[in-house]
C-alpha atoms as a PDB file:
ATOM      1  CA  MET A   1     130.948 177.914  62.655  1.00  0.00           C
ATOM      2  CA  HIS A   2     127.320 177.098  63.292  1.00  0.00           C
ATOM      3  CA  ASN A   3     126.206 179.754  60.778  1.00  0.00           C
ATOM      4  CA  GLY A   4     124.493 181.145  63.867  1.00  0.00           C
ATOM      5  CA  HIS A   5     121.943 178.310  64.757  1.00  0.00           C
ATOM      6  CA  PRO A   6     123.277 175.991  67.204  1.00  0.00           C
ATOM      7  CA  PRO A   7     124.834 173.076  67.236  1.00  0.00           C
ATOM      8  CA  ASP A   8     123.255 169.102  66.598  1.00  0.00           C
ATOM      9  CA  PRO A   9     122.950 167.690  69.874  1.00  0.00           C
ATOM     10  CA  PRO A  10     125.052 164.328  69.227  1.00  0.00           C
ATOM     11  CA  VAL A  11     123.269 161.044  67.698  1.00  0.00           C
ATOM     12  CA  GLY A  12     121.590 158.960  69.574  1.00  0.00           C
ATOM     13  CA  THR A  13     121.197 162.012  72.088  1.00  0.00           C
ATOM     14  CA  THR A  14     117.930 163.909  73.075  1.00  0.00           C
ATOM     15  CA  ASP A  15     117.318 167.889  73.819  1.00  0.00           C
ATOM     16  CA  PRO A  16     114.492 167.732  76.279  1.00  0.00           C
ATOM     17  CA  ALA A  17     113.318 170.964  76.320  1.00  0.00           C
ATOM     18  CA  LEU A  18     113.495 169.948  72.241  1.00  0.00           C
ATOM     19  CA  ALA A  19     112.530 166.372  72.027  1.00  0.00           C
ATOM     20  CA  SER A  20     107.976 165.833  72.190  1.00  0.00           C
ATOM     21  CA  PRO A  21     106.297 163.788  74.479  1.00  0.00           C
ATOM     22  CA  GLY A  22     106.885 160.549  72.350  1.00  0.00           C
ATOM     23  CA  GLN A  23     110.073 160.786  72.359  1.00  0.00           C
ATOM     24  CA  THR A  24     111.101 161.859  75.205  1.00  0.00           C
ATOM     25  CA  LEU A  25     108.596 159.089  77.547  1.00  0.00           C
ATOM     26  CA  ALA A  26     110.676 156.455  74.564  1.00  0.00           C
ATOM     27  CA  LEU A  27     114.522 158.257  75.961  1.00  0.00           C
ATOM     28  CA  ILE A  28     113.210 157.487  79.249  1.00  0.00           C
ATOM     29  CA  LYS A  29     112.552 154.205  78.324  1.00  0.00           C
ATOM     30  CA  ALA A  30     115.735 152.756  76.854  1.00  0.00           C
ATOM     31  CA  GLN A  31     117.651 154.496  79.794  1.00  0.00           C
ATOM     32  CA  ARG A  32     115.373 152.475  82.429  1.00  0.00           C
ATOM     33  CA  ARG A  33     116.179 148.943  79.700  1.00  0.00           C
ATOM     34  CA  VAL A  34     119.939 150.282  79.961  1.00  0.00           C
ATOM     35  CA  ILE A  35     119.654 150.174  84.099  1.00  0.00           C
ATOM     36  CA  ALA A  36     117.649 146.791  84.514  1.00  0.00           C
ATOM     37  CA  ARG A  37     120.650 145.173  82.233  1.00  0.00           C
ATOM     38  CA  ASN A  38     123.057 146.423  84.537  1.00  0.00           C
ATOM     39  CA  LEU A  39     121.373 145.357  87.629  1.00  0.00           C
ATOM     40  CA  TYR A  40     120.035 141.704  86.342  1.00  0.00           C
ATOM     41  CA  VAL A  41     121.079 138.852  87.704  1.00  0.00           C
ATOM     42  CA  ASP A  42     120.957 135.927  85.883  1.00  0.00           C
ATOM     43  CA  PRO A  43     119.721 133.339  87.556  1.00  0.00           C
ATOM     44  CA  ALA A  44     120.047 130.460  84.698  1.00  0.00           C
ATOM     45  CA  LEU A  45     123.688 131.591  85.614  1.00  0.00           C
ATOM     46  CA  ILE A  46     123.392 130.494  89.698  1.00  0.00           C
ATOM     47  CA  LEU A  47     120.878 127.722  89.493  1.00  0.00           C
ATOM     48  CA  GLY A  48     123.344 125.893  86.545  1.00  0.00           C
ATOM     49  CA  ALA A  49     126.804 126.554  88.559  1.00  0.00           C
ATOM     50  CA  TRP A  50     124.541 124.836  91.879  1.00  0.00           C
ATOM     51  CA  GLY A  51     123.269 122.463  89.055  1.00  0.00           C
ATOM     52  CA  LEU A  52     126.507 121.292  88.065  1.00  0.00           C
ATOM     53  CA  ALA A  53     127.900 120.888  91.790  1.00  0.00           C
ATOM     54  CA  TRP A  54     125.351 118.628  92.724  1.00  0.00           C
ATOM     55  CA  LEU A  55     125.441 116.306  89.173  1.00  0.00           C
ATOM     56  CA  VAL A  56     129.369 115.986  89.380  1.00  0.00           C
ATOM     57  CA  GLY A  57     129.247 116.465  93.227  1.00  0.00           C
ATOM     58  CA  GLY A  58     126.728 113.545  94.584  1.00  0.00           C
ATOM     59  CA  GLY A  59     127.574 111.023  91.098  1.00  0.00           C
ATOM     60  CA  ALA A  60     131.250 111.113  92.391  1.00  0.00           C
ATOM     61  CA  GLY A  61     130.260 110.541  95.963  1.00  0.00           C
ATOM     62  CA  TYR A  62     127.560 107.767  94.298  1.00  0.00           C
ATOM     63  CA  LEU A  63     130.943 105.834  91.970  1.00  0.00           C
ATOM     64  CA  ALA A  64     133.539 106.745  95.680  1.00  0.00           C
ATOM     65  CA  ALA A  65     130.769 104.699  97.716  1.00  0.00           C
ATOM     66  CA  HIS A  66     130.362 102.125  95.741  1.00  0.00           C
ATOM     67  CA  GLY A  67     134.430 101.915  95.217  1.00  0.00           C
ATOM     68  CA  TRP A  68     134.485 102.676  90.870  1.00  0.00           C
ATOM     69  CA  LEU A  69     137.186 105.597  91.944  1.00  0.00           C
ATOM     70  CA  ALA A  70     139.418 103.071  94.298  1.00  0.00           C
ATOM     71  CA  THR A  71     142.078 101.803  91.237  1.00  0.00           C
ATOM     72  CA  GLY A  72     143.954 104.490  89.894  1.00  0.00           C
ATOM     73  CA  VAL A  73     142.656 107.329  92.129  1.00  0.00           C
ATOM     74  CA  PRO A  74     141.606 108.218  95.455  1.00  0.00           C
ATOM     75  CA  ILE A  75     138.693 107.813  97.018  1.00  0.00           C
ATOM     76  CA  TRP A  76     139.492 111.791  98.354  1.00  0.00           C
ATOM     77  CA  LEU A  77     139.154 112.493  94.898  1.00  0.00           C
ATOM     78  CA  ALA A  78     135.638 112.423  95.109  1.00  0.00           C
ATOM     79  CA  GLY A  79     135.512 114.490  98.421  1.00  0.00           C
ATOM     80  CA  ILE A  80     137.713 116.960  96.381  1.00  0.00           C
ATOM     81  CA  ILE A  81     135.635 117.346  93.483  1.00  0.00           C
ATOM     82  CA  SER A  82     132.150 117.604  95.058  1.00  0.00           C
ATOM     83  CA  GLY A  83     134.325 120.411  97.785  1.00  0.00           C
ATOM     84  CA  VAL A  84     135.866 122.646  94.463  1.00  0.00           C
ATOM     85  CA  LEU A  85     131.663 122.632  92.557  1.00  0.00           C
ATOM     86  CA  PHE A  86     130.384 123.476  95.960  1.00  0.00           C
ATOM     87  CA  ALA A  87     132.756 126.388  96.568  1.00  0.00           C
ATOM     88  CA  ALA A  88     132.553 127.963  93.130  1.00  0.00           C
ATOM     89  CA  ALA A  89     128.953 127.805  93.219  1.00  0.00           C
ATOM     90  CA  THR A  90     128.770 129.349  96.314  1.00  0.00           C
ATOM     91  CA  LEU A  91     130.879 131.845  95.096  1.00  0.00           C
ATOM     92  CA  VAL A  92     128.636 132.403  92.177  1.00  0.00           C
ATOM     93  CA  SER A  93     125.335 132.276  94.154  1.00  0.00           C
ATOM     94  CA  PHE A  94     127.113 135.959  96.762  1.00  0.00           C
ATOM     95  CA  GLY A  95     129.335 137.156  94.159  1.00  0.00           C
ATOM     96  CA  GLU A  96     127.103 137.801  91.164  1.00  0.00           C
ATOM     97  CA  PRO A  97     124.333 139.933  93.077  1.00  0.00           C
ATOM     98  CA  ALA A  98     126.801 141.527  94.822  1.00  0.00           C
ATOM     99  CA  ARG A  99     128.342 142.762  91.951  1.00  0.00           C
ATOM    100  CA  ARG A 100     125.358 143.865  90.385  1.00  0.00           C
ATOM    101  CA  GLY A 101     123.789 145.604  92.903  1.00  0.00           C
ATOM    102  CA  ARG A 102     126.168 147.320  94.324  1.00  0.00           C
ATOM    103  CA  GLY A 103     126.107 151.087  94.861  1.00  0.00           C
ATOM    104  CA  VAL A 104     122.177 150.072  94.314  1.00  0.00           C
ATOM    105  CA  ALA A 105     120.377 151.007  98.491  1.00  0.00           C
ATOM    106  CA  GLY A 106     117.051 151.489  99.631  1.00  0.00           C
ATOM    107  CA  PRO A 107     113.934 148.599 100.720  1.00  0.00           C
ATOM    108  CA  SER A 108     114.601 144.968  97.983  1.00  0.00           C
ATOM    109  CA  ARG A 109     118.562 145.414  98.428  1.00  0.00           C
ATOM    110  CA  ARG A 110     117.877 144.762 102.331  1.00  0.00           C
ATOM    111  CA  VAL A 111     115.565 142.218 101.866  1.00  0.00           C
ATOM    112  CA  GLN A 112     117.633 139.899  98.995  1.00  0.00           C
ATOM    113  CA  ALA A 113     121.128 140.862 101.340  1.00  0.00           C
ATOM    114  CA  VAL A 114     118.965 139.475 104.555  1.00  0.00           C
ATOM    115  CA  TYR A 115     117.635 136.696 102.128  1.00  0.00           C
ATOM    116  CA  GLY A 116     121.139 136.121 100.988  1.00  0.00           C
ATOM    117  CA  TRP A 117     122.129 135.506 104.753  1.00  0.00           C
ATOM    118  CA  SER A 118     119.701 133.255 105.942  1.00  0.00           C
ATOM    119  CA  TRP A 119     121.636 130.960 103.436  1.00  0.00           C
ATOM    120  CA  PRO A 120     124.959 130.265 105.601  1.00  0.00           C
ATOM    121  CA  LEU A 121     122.214 130.738 108.751  1.00  0.00           C
ATOM    122  CA  ALA A 122     120.931 128.170 107.304  1.00  0.00           C
ATOM    123  CA  PHE A 123     123.387 125.900 106.920  1.00  0.00           C
ATOM    124  CA  ALA A 124     125.317 126.828 110.298  1.00  0.00           C
ATOM    125  CA  GLY A 125     122.607 125.416 111.864  1.00  0.00           C
ATOM    126  CA  VAL A 126     122.368 122.006 110.427  1.00  0.00           C
ATOM    127  CA  LEU A 127     125.692 121.382 111.186  1.00  0.00           C
ATOM    128  CA  ALA A 128     125.419 122.477 114.851  1.00  0.00           C
ATOM    129  CA  LEU A 129     122.645 119.916 114.378  1.00  0.00           C
ATOM    130  CA  ASN A 130     124.437 116.930 112.627  1.00  0.00           C
ATOM    131  CA  LEU A 131     127.635 117.094 114.609  1.00  0.00           C
ATOM    132  CA  ALA A 132     125.539 117.747 117.888  1.00  0.00           C
ATOM    133  CA  LEU A 133     123.533 113.866 116.819  1.00  0.00           C
ATOM    134  CA  ASP A 134     127.200 112.584 115.851  1.00  0.00           C
ATOM    135  CA  GLN A 135     128.222 113.133 119.951  1.00  0.00           C
ATOM    136  CA  GLN A 136     125.283 112.331 120.291  1.00  0.00           C
ATOM    137  CA  GLY A 137     126.067 108.529 118.875  1.00  0.00           C
ATOM    138  CA  LEU A 138     124.740 108.542 115.936  1.00  0.00           C
ATOM    139  CA  PRO A 139     125.519 104.890 114.139  1.00  0.00           C
ATOM    140  CA  ALA A 140     127.824 105.445 111.176  1.00  0.00           C
ATOM    141  CA  HIS A 141     125.955 103.959 108.538  1.00  0.00           C
ATOM    142  CA  LEU A 142     122.909 107.029 109.101  1.00  0.00           C
ATOM    143  CA  ALA A 143     125.593 109.860 109.029  1.00  0.00           C
ATOM    144  CA  PRO A 144     125.476 110.892 105.661  1.00  0.00           C
ATOM    145  CA  LEU A 145     121.440 110.152 105.868  1.00  0.00           C
ATOM    146  CA  LEU A 146     121.124 112.792 107.813  1.00  0.00           C
ATOM    147  CA  TRP A 147     123.369 115.395 105.764  1.00  0.00           C
ATOM    148  CA  THR A 148     122.161 115.115 102.443  1.00  0.00           C
ATOM    149  CA  GLY A 149     118.604 115.236 104.395  1.00  0.00           C
ATOM    150  CA  THR A 150     118.598 117.869 106.425  1.00  0.00           C
ATOM    151  CA  SER A 151     120.476 119.815 103.735  1.00  0.00           C
ATOM    152  CA  LEU A 152     118.026 119.198 101.221  1.00  0.00           C
ATOM    153  CA  LEU A 153     115.856 120.539 103.513  1.00  0.00           C
ATOM    154  CA  ALA A 154     117.348 123.317 104.086  1.00  0.00           C
ATOM    155  CA  VAL A 155     118.126 124.319 100.856  1.00  0.00           C
ATOM    156  CA  GLY A 156     113.918 123.037 100.270  1.00  0.00           C
ATOM    157  CA  LEU A 157     113.029 125.609 102.334  1.00  0.00           C
ATOM    158  CA  LEU A 158     115.011 128.491 101.461  1.00  0.00           C
ATOM    159  CA  TYR A 159     114.443 128.013  97.836  1.00  0.00           C
ATOM    160  CA  LEU A 160     110.191 128.828  99.294  1.00  0.00           C
ATOM    161  CA  ALA A 161     110.766 131.257 100.766  1.00  0.00           C
ATOM    162  CA  GLY A 162     112.854 133.160  98.409  1.00  0.00           C
ATOM    163  CA  GLY A 163     109.686 132.167  96.303  1.00  0.00           C
ATOM    164  CA  MET A 164     107.162 133.854  98.337  1.00  0.00           C
ATOM    165  CA  LEU A 165     109.244 136.833  98.926  1.00  0.00           C
ATOM    166  CA  TRP A 166     109.812 137.471  94.748  1.00  0.00           C
ATOM    167  CA  ASP A 167     106.939 135.477  93.869  1.00  0.00           C
ATOM    168  CA  SER A 168     108.491 133.330  91.737  1.00  0.00           C
ATOM    169  CA  ARG A 169     107.036 130.077  90.647  1.00  0.00           C
ATOM    170  CA  LEU A 170     110.069 128.805  89.395  1.00  0.00           C
ATOM    171  CA  GLN A 171     112.069 128.848  92.635  1.00  0.00           C
ATOM    172  CA  TYR A 172     109.029 128.028  94.631  1.00  0.00           C
ATOM    173  CA  GLY A 173     108.488 125.100  92.746  1.00  0.00           C
ATOM    174  CA  LEU A 174     112.279 123.878  92.893  1.00  0.00           C
ATOM    175  CA  GLY A 175     112.323 124.211  96.686  1.00  0.00           C
ATOM    176  CA  LEU A 176     108.824 121.875  96.706  1.00  0.00           C
ATOM    177  CA  TRP A 177     111.216 119.793  94.501  1.00  0.00           C
ATOM    178  CA  VAL A 178     114.446 119.638  96.229  1.00  0.00           C
ATOM    179  CA  LEU A 179     112.353 118.935  99.400  1.00  0.00           C
ATOM    180  CA  VAL A 180     110.795 115.639  97.325  1.00  0.00           C
ATOM    181  CA  THR A 181     114.100 114.902  96.354  1.00  0.00           C
ATOM    182  CA  GLY A 182     115.517 115.115  99.766  1.00  0.00           C
ATOM    183  CA  ALA A 183     113.369 112.486 100.966  1.00  0.00           C
ATOM    184  CA  ALA A 184     113.265 110.252  98.565  1.00  0.00           C
ATOM    185  CA  GLY A 185     117.123 110.264  99.328  1.00  0.00           C
ATOM    186  CA  VAL A 186     117.069 109.346 102.784  1.00  0.00           C
ATOM    187  CA  ALA A 187     114.283 106.819 101.082  1.00  0.00           C
ATOM    188  CA  ALA A 188     117.252 105.281  99.030  1.00  0.00           C
ATOM    189  CA  GLY A 189     119.299 104.658 101.856  1.00  0.00           C
ATOM    190  CA  TYR A 190     123.497 104.823 100.685  1.00  0.00           C
ATOM    191  CA  PRO A 191     124.728 104.961  98.595  1.00  0.00           C
ATOM    192  CA  GLY A 192     121.651 105.804  96.716  1.00  0.00           C
ATOM    193  CA  ASN A 193     121.022 108.790  98.157  1.00  0.00           C
ATOM    194  CA  PHE A 194     123.901 110.687  96.370  1.00  0.00           C
ATOM    195  CA  ALA A 195     122.633 109.095  93.117  1.00  0.00           C
ATOM    196  CA  VAL A 196     118.911 110.873  94.016  1.00  0.00           C
ATOM    197  CA  LEU A 197     121.917 113.579  94.894  1.00  0.00           C
ATOM    198  CA  SER A 198     123.898 114.009  91.695  1.00  0.00           C
ATOM    199  CA  LEU A 199     120.655 112.748  88.863  1.00  0.00           C
ATOM    200  CA  ALA A 200     116.852 114.263  90.500  1.00  0.00           C
ATOM    201  CA  GLY A 201     119.049 117.080  92.909  1.00  0.00           C
ATOM    202  CA  GLY A 202     121.328 118.139  90.189  1.00  0.00           C
ATOM    203  CA  GLY A 203     119.356 117.638  87.113  1.00  0.00           C
ATOM    204  CA  GLY A 204     116.351 119.573  88.523  1.00  0.00           C
ATOM    205  CA  PHE A 205     118.326 122.371  89.419  1.00  0.00           C
ATOM    206  CA  LEU A 206     119.849 122.754  85.549  1.00  0.00           C
ATOM    207  CA  VAL A 207     116.292 122.057  84.062  1.00  0.00           C
ATOM    208  CA  ALA A 208     115.072 125.138  86.263  1.00  0.00           C
ATOM    209  CA  ALA A 209     118.422 126.972  84.934  1.00  0.00           C
ATOM    210  CA  ALA A 210     116.805 126.176  81.297  1.00  0.00           C
ATOM    211  CA  VAL A 211     113.657 127.888  82.085  1.00  0.00           C
ATOM    212  CA  ALA A 212     114.639 130.797  83.606  1.00  0.00           C
ATOM    213  CA  ARG A 213     117.341 131.214  80.338  1.00  0.00           C
ATOM    214  CA  ALA A 214     114.487 130.252  78.295  1.00  0.00           C
ATOM    215  CA  ARG A 215     111.467 133.005  79.476  1.00  0.00           C
ATOM    216  CA  HIS A 216     114.685 135.359  79.923  1.00  0.00           C
ATOM    217  CA  TRP A 217     115.252 135.330  76.323  1.00  0.00           C
ATOM    218  CA  GLN A 218     111.492 135.370  75.402  1.00  0.00           C
ATOM    219  CA  SER A 219     110.596 139.349  77.986  1.00  0.00           C
ATOM    220  CA  GLU A 220     114.579 140.199  76.132  1.00  0.00           C
ATOM    221  CA  ARG A 221     111.954 139.197  72.616  1.00  0.00           C
ATOM    222  CA  ALA A 222     108.899 141.074  74.291  1.00  0.00           C
ATOM    223  CA  ALA A 223     111.493 143.946  75.462  1.00  0.00           C
END
């Protein structure tokens, strides 16, 4: 029995017909925060995954090139380690945005999809270019420099593009760092290029992941 009065609304909800303008505005802001949190793709997770892949994969390549993995451990293990880590980082990079953006449409979603497809297309071009050069008689000692150099060039340019699309100084700065890392790796020669890839490349991604996480925490506290 309600003694002739309508029942009270559930706790945590507000009847729009009875809410003041301030309460309505607060409710809208709260709903926007929930939606933003559900759609938020954590860049620190993606950057951290790639940082780990580059750090460990590049380090394994450097050790294998020096024969330090030969004692009791097959050298091809370095390739397996790198392949698994890079595959995992790729799944995180494409899986997390796809999961968060499921059911969302609009111009920003289309831009994100087009940018996402730019990555496999760019690396398909890198693969075709490098294989063509190999068939044209590229010296074997230059092959490792070619593959790491062109891959880092593609990554750096794509991060520059991402920084311009989303007005992200972090992405743009990371793109510049990757370009410098690629050039430094080629200048270091083989197998020093793997050490540069591991320490400068992987380290740069891990620093970027830490910066992204710190900025997110700061924005959460401000909200």
